Amino acid sequence: MREQKFGLVINPRAKGVYKRYILSQRKFWEAFLKPEQYEVPESIDQTGSALKKLLEQGVEVLGVLGGDGTVNIVLNELMKLSPGKFPTILPFRGGTINALCNNIGTKDSPEETLRKVVGISRAHPTQFFKHLIRVTEDENGLMTQRYGFTFANGVFPKIFQVYYSYKNPGVGAATRLILKIFFTSAFRPGWAKSLLSPVEMKIEGRSGEIMSGKVRVLAVSTLESPTLWWKPFGPELNGRPQFHYLANAMTNPEVVLNMFDLFIGRSNHAKHLVSKADELKVECDTGYVLDGELFSVGKRLKIKIDIGPSLRFISL
């Protein structure tokens, strides 16, 4: 690692970073890196200029200290900058869920990861190539394009709104929400029904319609485990230019009867389709979640999801 030029971008607004390092003034990166080796943009809008400074220095390995949302912001800003050569991305566990870190095997604390970068601790670098998905939304002719790893709509925007209403979103909050849905489906069916009710949606692939009508969820990802323990997709992609997708159109009683299998990602129900593709077209009005961030909630959209570029990631 020491022979490659390293730069670190830090999101001080990421919940894990703010709570652990900014509030407590434990800015550990200052002890390991020179000031020109890291950037701490004060707002999301400044992320692009921060990345540009690091790229102009010839950074070959770009560390990202934040959560999955921070990684998403950085990757989208990199796409806008379109450098001649993309740096290798080293994500740090600075978020609440850290799905990307979980998928590539980054288990160390941010402090230990940086010690490995600078050579204080022994590193065993492993490289991965991961495709991004490209989400192009069409809102009455207004086109917007975003990149990420995991897309979900249907009930997921409502679930994430509840999740983000918790005082301290994170693994604990996510677990409490899942258990609440699981146990209240029997005792407070009205609350669970309002959260999990299917929505009008149309999903098409290259060969035609996949599902339409009342659809509960569409989830698309190039990660094998898009969040926590959930591994609903089956065999890994192993770098193929495809994404996993899951489409579910179960009725409420069917969801209740199969809820445990759905939560652990092993349902074989006829209305629970799991497959792979390289392009989907979706019409819905729920908005969507991309790498944990909410977009276009409540808007009627036409969305195209296809394969984006393959980037190099590293775990130490």
Protein backbone atom coordinates (compact mmCIF):
# COMPACT_ATOMS: atom_id res chain seq x y z
CA MET A 1 0.00 0.00 0.00
CA ARG A 2 2.78 2.46 0.84
CA GLU A 3 4.08 2.41 -2.73
CA GLN A 4 0.71 3.66 -4.02
CA LYS A 5 -0.35 7.25 -3.54
CA PHE A 6 -3.18 7.37 -1.02
CA GLY A 7 -5.84 9.97 -0.38
CA LEU A 8 -8.74 9.97 2.05
CA VAL A 9 -12.09 11.73 1.80
CA ILE A 10 -13.98 12.01 5.08
CA ASN A 11 -17.69 12.70 5.46
CA PRO A 12 -18.05 14.51 8.81
CA ARG A 13 -21.86 14.28 8.53
CA ALA A 14 -21.94 10.48 8.35
CA LYS A 15 -23.56 9.39 11.59
CA GLY A 16 -20.79 7.00 12.60
CA VAL A 17 -18.04 9.50 11.78
CA TYR A 18 -19.76 12.45 13.46
CA LYS A 19 -20.52 10.57 16.65
CA ARG A 20 -17.22 8.73 17.02
CA TYR A 21 -14.70 11.22 15.69
CA ILE A 22 -16.05 14.72 15.11
CA LEU A 23 -17.95 15.26 18.36
CA SER A 24 -15.16 13.72 20.42
CA GLN A 25 -12.40 15.47 18.44
CA ARG A 26 -10.76 12.08 17.81
CA LYS A 27 -9.62 12.95 14.31
CA PHE A 28 -7.24 10.00 14.07
CA TRP A 29 -6.41 10.66 10.41
CA GLU A 30 -4.48 13.78 11.44
CA ALA A 31 -1.95 11.57 13.24
CA PHE A 32 -1.28 9.36 10.23
CA LEU A 33 -1.63 11.56 7.15
CA LYS A 34 -0.29 14.87 5.91
CA PRO A 35 -2.93 17.60 5.49
CA GLU A 36 -2.75 17.36 1.70
CA GLN A 37 -3.56 13.64 1.87
CA TYR A 38 -7.10 14.04 3.16
CA GLU A 39 -10.16 16.15 2.51
CA VAL A 40 -13.08 16.85 4.86
CA PRO A 41 -15.76 18.54 2.72
CA GLU A 42 -18.13 20.59 4.85
CA SER A 43 -21.13 19.80 2.66
CA ILE A 44 -22.20 17.27 0.05
CA ASP A 45 -21.87 19.98 -2.60
CA GLN A 46 -18.15 20.28 -1.81
CA THR A 47 -17.44 16.57 -2.31
CA GLY A 48 -16.70 16.99 -6.01
CA SER A 49 -14.10 19.71 -5.46
CA ALA A 50 -12.52 17.70 -2.62
CA LEU A 51 -12.18 14.68 -4.90
CA LYS A 52 -10.78 16.82 -7.70
CA LYS A 53 -7.98 18.04 -5.40
CA LEU A 54 -7.03 14.48 -4.50
CA LEU A 55 -7.17 13.28 -8.10
CA GLU A 56 -4.98 16.17 -9.24
CA GLN A 57 -2.32 14.89 -6.83
CA GLY A 58 -2.34 11.55 -8.64
CA VAL A 59 -4.08 9.57 -5.91
CA GLU A 60 -4.14 5.88 -6.85
CA VAL A 61 -6.02 4.52 -3.83
CA LEU A 62 -8.95 6.57 -2.57
CA GLY A 63 -10.12 5.90 0.96
CA VAL A 64 -13.71 6.78 1.83
CA LEU A 65 -14.55 7.30 5.50
CA GLY A 66 -18.31 7.28 5.92
CA GLY A 67 -21.18 4.90 5.31
CA ASP A 68 -22.77 3.41 2.23
CA GLY A 69 -24.40 6.76 1.49
CA THR A 70 -20.99 8.43 1.55
CA VAL A 71 -19.56 5.84 -0.83
CA ASN A 72 -22.54 6.46 -3.11
CA ILE A 73 -21.93 10.22 -3.10
CA VAL A 74 -18.22 9.76 -3.82
CA LEU A 75 -18.82 7.31 -6.67
CA ASN A 76 -21.40 9.58 -8.29
CA GLU A 77 -19.06 12.55 -8.04
CA LEU A 78 -16.28 10.47 -9.57
CA MET A 79 -18.59 9.65 -12.47
CA LYS A 80 -19.17 13.37 -13.01
CA LEU A 81 -15.43 14.11 -12.89
CA SER A 82 -14.75 11.20 -15.27
CA PRO A 83 -11.01 10.90 -14.57
CA GLY A 84 -8.80 9.23 -17.15
CA LYS A 85 -8.10 6.48 -14.64
CA PHE A 86 -10.36 5.72 -11.71
CA PRO A 87 -8.57 5.19 -8.41
CA THR A 88 -8.95 1.98 -6.46
CA ILE A 89 -11.60 2.52 -3.78
CA LEU A 90 -10.88 1.58 -0.16
CA PRO A 91 -14.07 1.90 1.93
CA PHE A 92 -13.73 2.41 5.69
CA ARG A 93 -16.33 1.17 8.18
CA GLY A 94 -17.65 4.60 9.10
CA GLY A 95 -21.38 4.12 8.60
CA THR A 96 -24.31 2.44 10.28
CA ILE A 97 -24.80 -0.59 8.00
CA ASN A 98 -21.56 -0.71 5.93
CA ALA A 99 -22.99 -3.05 3.28
CA LEU A 100 -20.08 -2.58 0.86
CA CYS A 101 -17.51 -3.26 3.58
CA ASN A 102 -19.42 -6.37 4.61
CA ASN A 103 -19.44 -7.65 1.03
CA ILE A 104 -15.73 -7.20 0.39
CA GLY A 105 -14.62 -8.35 3.84
CA THR A 106 -13.53 -5.09 5.49
CA LYS A 107 -13.97 -5.81 9.20
CA ASP A 108 -11.42 -3.54 10.86
CA SER A 109 -12.16 -0.26 12.57
CA PRO A 110 -11.32 2.88 10.57
CA GLU A 111 -8.29 3.45 12.80
CA GLU A 112 -6.90 -0.03 12.14
CA THR A 113 -7.59 0.24 8.41
CA LEU A 114 -5.57 3.46 8.26
CA ARG A 115 -2.75 1.87 10.26
CA LYS A 116 -2.59 -0.80 7.57
CA VAL A 117 -2.56 1.84 4.84
CA VAL A 118 0.47 3.62 6.31
CA GLY A 119 2.28 0.39 7.17
CA ILE A 120 2.02 0.40 10.96
CA SER A 121 -0.09 -2.77 10.94
CA ARG A 122 0.33 -5.68 8.57
CA ALA A 123 -2.07 -5.62 5.63
CA HIS A 124 -3.31 -8.44 3.42
CA PRO A 125 -4.81 -6.51 0.50
CA THR A 126 -7.46 -8.22 -1.59
CA GLN A 127 -8.83 -6.61 -4.73
CA PHE A 128 -12.36 -6.90 -6.03
CA PHE A 129 -14.04 -5.67 -9.18
CA LYS A 130 -17.65 -4.65 -8.66
CA HIS A 131 -20.07 -3.35 -11.25
CA LEU A 132 -22.24 -0.40 -10.37
CA ILE A 133 -25.84 -0.23 -11.45
CA ARG A 134 -26.97 2.84 -13.37
CA VAL A 135 -30.40 4.22 -12.49
CA THR A 136 -31.90 6.60 -15.03
CA GLU A 137 -35.16 8.16 -13.90
CA ASP A 138 -37.58 9.94 -16.18
CA GLU A 139 -39.95 12.31 -14.41
CA ASN A 140 -42.16 13.78 -17.12
CA GLY A 141 -39.22 14.06 -19.49
CA LEU A 142 -36.72 15.30 -16.89
CA MET A 143 -33.88 12.77 -16.92
CA THR A 144 -31.68 12.12 -13.89
CA GLN A 145 -28.93 9.52 -13.69
CA ARG A 146 -27.42 8.00 -10.56
CA TYR A 147 -25.04 5.14 -9.83
CA GLY A 148 -24.92 2.73 -6.92
CA PHE A 149 -24.87 -0.88 -5.81
CA THR A 150 -28.38 -1.54 -4.52
CA PHE A 151 -31.75 -0.20 -5.68
CA ALA A 152 -35.09 -0.93 -4.02
CA ASN A 153 -38.61 0.45 -4.36
CA GLY A 154 -42.13 -0.69 -3.50
CA VAL A 155 -42.37 -0.90 0.30
CA PHE A 156 -38.71 -0.06 0.88
CA PRO A 157 -39.00 3.75 0.70
CA LYS A 158 -41.65 3.63 3.45
CA ILE A 159 -39.55 1.25 5.54
CA PHE A 160 -36.49 3.48 5.21
CA GLN A 161 -38.50 6.54 6.20
CA VAL A 162 -39.46 4.77 9.44
CA TYR A 163 -35.86 3.59 9.91
CA TYR A 164 -34.47 7.11 9.55
CA SER A 165 -37.03 8.39 12.06
CA TYR A 166 -35.20 6.48 14.81
CA LYS A 167 -32.94 8.64 16.96
CA ASN A 168 -29.86 6.54 16.20
CA PRO A 169 -30.22 4.72 12.87
CA GLY A 170 -27.92 1.74 12.65
CA VAL A 171 -27.82 -2.02 13.00
CA GLY A 172 -29.71 -1.87 16.29
CA ALA A 173 -32.45 0.33 14.86
CA ALA A 174 -32.74 -1.85 11.75
CA THR A 175 -33.01 -4.98 13.88
CA ARG A 176 -35.67 -3.40 16.10
CA LEU A 177 -37.67 -2.34 13.06
CA ILE A 178 -37.50 -5.81 11.50
CA LEU A 179 -38.58 -7.46 14.76
CA LYS A 180 -41.37 -4.91 15.16
CA ILE A 181 -42.69 -5.70 11.68
CA PHE A 182 -42.37 -9.43 12.31
CA PHE A 183 -44.16 -9.49 15.67
CA THR A 184 -46.75 -6.75 15.09
CA SER A 185 -47.97 -8.36 11.86
CA ALA A 186 -50.03 -10.66 14.09
CA PHE A 187 -50.97 -8.22 16.87
CA ARG A 188 -51.14 -4.88 15.03
CA PRO A 189 -51.96 -5.92 11.48
CA GLY A 190 -53.08 -2.41 10.50
CA TRP A 191 -49.66 -0.87 11.14
CA ALA A 192 -47.80 -3.67 9.38
CA LYS A 193 -50.26 -3.60 6.47
CA SER A 194 -49.79 0.15 5.94
CA LEU A 195 -46.03 -0.32 5.86
CA LEU A 196 -45.95 -3.43 3.69
CA SER A 197 -48.86 -2.84 1.30
CA PRO A 198 -48.02 -3.51 -2.36
CA VAL A 199 -48.06 -0.71 -4.90
CA GLU A 200 -48.91 -0.40 -8.57
CA MET A 201 -45.81 -1.19 -10.56
CA LYS A 202 -44.72 -2.47 -13.94
CA ILE A 203 -41.40 -4.25 -14.43
CA GLU A 204 -40.03 -5.16 -17.85
CA GLY A 205 -36.86 -6.91 -18.97
CA ARG A 206 -35.27 -7.22 -22.38
CA SER A 207 -37.66 -10.07 -23.24
CA GLY A 208 -40.83 -8.34 -22.10
CA GLU A 209 -42.95 -7.95 -18.99
CA ILE A 210 -41.69 -9.57 -15.79
CA MET A 211 -44.32 -8.45 -13.30
CA SER A 212 -47.10 -5.87 -13.11
CA GLY A 213 -50.04 -4.84 -10.98
CA LYS A 214 -49.74 -4.92 -7.20
CA VAL A 215 -46.04 -5.46 -6.57
CA ARG A 216 -44.60 -5.37 -3.08
CA VAL A 217 -40.95 -4.80 -3.86
CA LEU A 218 -38.31 -4.73 -6.54
CA ALA A 219 -34.74 -5.04 -5.28
CA VAL A 220 -31.74 -4.83 -7.61
CA SER A 221 -28.10 -5.22 -6.56
CA THR A 222 -24.63 -6.18 -7.68
CA LEU A 223 -23.87 -7.13 -4.07
CA GLU A 224 -24.57 -10.62 -2.75
CA SER A 225 -25.72 -9.27 0.62
CA PRO A 226 -27.32 -5.83 0.14
CA THR A 227 -27.95 -5.22 3.84
CA LEU A 228 -27.21 -6.86 7.19
CA TRP A 229 -27.63 -10.65 6.97
CA TRP A 230 -30.01 -10.58 4.00
CA LYS A 231 -28.70 -12.76 1.15
CA PRO A 232 -31.70 -13.29 -1.12
CA PHE A 233 -30.02 -13.71 -4.49
CA GLY A 234 -28.23 -17.04 -4.67
CA PRO A 235 -24.91 -17.64 -6.51
CA GLU A 236 -22.44 -14.76 -6.77
CA LEU A 237 -22.01 -12.77 -9.97
CA ASN A 238 -18.20 -13.13 -9.93
CA GLY A 239 -17.64 -10.00 -11.97
CA ARG A 240 -20.18 -10.75 -14.71
CA PRO A 241 -21.82 -7.62 -16.21
CA GLN A 242 -25.18 -8.40 -14.62
CA PHE A 243 -27.13 -7.58 -11.50
CA HIS A 244 -29.31 -9.63 -9.20
CA TYR A 245 -32.95 -8.73 -8.92
CA LEU A 246 -35.86 -9.78 -6.75
CA ALA A 247 -39.51 -9.01 -7.48
CA ASN A 248 -42.26 -9.87 -5.02
CA ALA A 249 -46.02 -9.71 -5.58
CA MET A 250 -47.27 -11.74 -2.62
CA THR A 251 -50.59 -10.87 -1.00
CA ASN A 252 -50.62 -9.72 2.63
CA PRO A 253 -51.63 -13.17 3.97
CA GLU A 254 -48.90 -14.77 1.88
CA VAL A 255 -46.32 -12.35 3.28
CA VAL A 256 -47.39 -13.09 6.86
CA LEU A 257 -47.16 -16.84 6.28
CA ASN A 258 -43.74 -16.54 4.62
CA MET A 259 -42.31 -13.61 6.58
CA PHE A 260 -39.47 -15.50 8.25
CA ASP A 261 -38.24 -16.96 4.97
CA LEU A 262 -38.46 -13.53 3.33
CA PHE A 263 -36.42 -11.88 6.08
CA ILE A 264 -33.62 -14.41 5.85
CA GLY A 265 -33.73 -14.44 2.04
CA ARG A 266 -34.68 -17.99 1.19
CA SER A 267 -38.30 -17.85 -0.03
CA ASN A 268 -39.30 -20.12 -2.93
CA HIS A 269 -42.83 -18.77 -3.30
CA ALA A 270 -44.26 -18.58 -6.83
CA LYS A 271 -44.85 -14.82 -6.49
CA HIS A 272 -41.30 -14.22 -5.29
CA LEU A 273 -39.06 -14.05 -8.36
CA VAL A 274 -35.27 -14.06 -8.06
CA SER A 275 -33.12 -13.80 -11.17
CA LYS A 276 -30.33 -11.91 -12.95
CA ALA A 277 -30.42 -9.33 -15.73
CA ASP A 278 -28.48 -6.48 -17.27
CA GLU A 279 -31.44 -4.16 -17.87
CA LEU A 280 -34.84 -3.51 -16.32
CA LYS A 281 -37.48 -0.86 -16.96
CA VAL A 282 -39.79 0.11 -14.11
CA GLU A 283 -42.85 2.31 -13.74
CA CYS A 284 -43.88 3.21 -10.19
CA ASP A 285 -44.84 6.09 -7.91
CA THR A 286 -43.07 5.17 -4.67
CA GLY A 287 -39.67 6.70 -5.30
CA TYR A 288 -36.72 4.45 -4.51
CA VAL A 289 -33.80 3.74 -2.23
CA LEU A 290 -30.28 3.67 -3.66
CA ASP A 291 -27.52 2.52 -1.29
CA GLY A 292 -29.62 3.54 1.69
CA GLU A 293 -30.50 7.01 0.41
CA LEU A 294 -34.08 8.00 -0.48
CA PHE A 295 -34.85 9.54 -3.86
CA SER A 296 -37.98 10.91 -5.55
CA VAL A 297 -40.38 9.64 -2.87
CA GLY A 298 -44.01 9.92 -3.98
CA LYS A 299 -43.17 10.83 -7.57
CA ARG A 300 -44.47 8.99 -10.62
CA LEU A 301 -41.38 7.74 -12.42
CA LYS A 302 -40.21 5.72 -15.35
CA ILE A 303 -36.91 4.15 -14.40
CA LYS A 304 -34.31 2.29 -16.41
CA ILE A 305 -31.79 0.20 -14.50
CA ASP A 306 -28.79 -1.14 -16.34
CA ILE A 307 -25.16 -2.05 -15.75
CA GLY A 308 -22.70 0.71 -15.00
CA PRO A 309 -18.90 0.60 -14.99
CA SER A 310 -16.82 -1.95 -13.14
CA LEU A 311 -14.59 -0.37 -10.49
CA ARG A 312 -11.72 -1.75 -8.44
CA PHE A 313 -12.17 -1.99 -4.68
CA ILE A 314 -9.71 -3.15 -2.06
CA SER A 315 -9.98 -4.69 1.39
CA LEU A 316 -7.05 -4.81 3.80
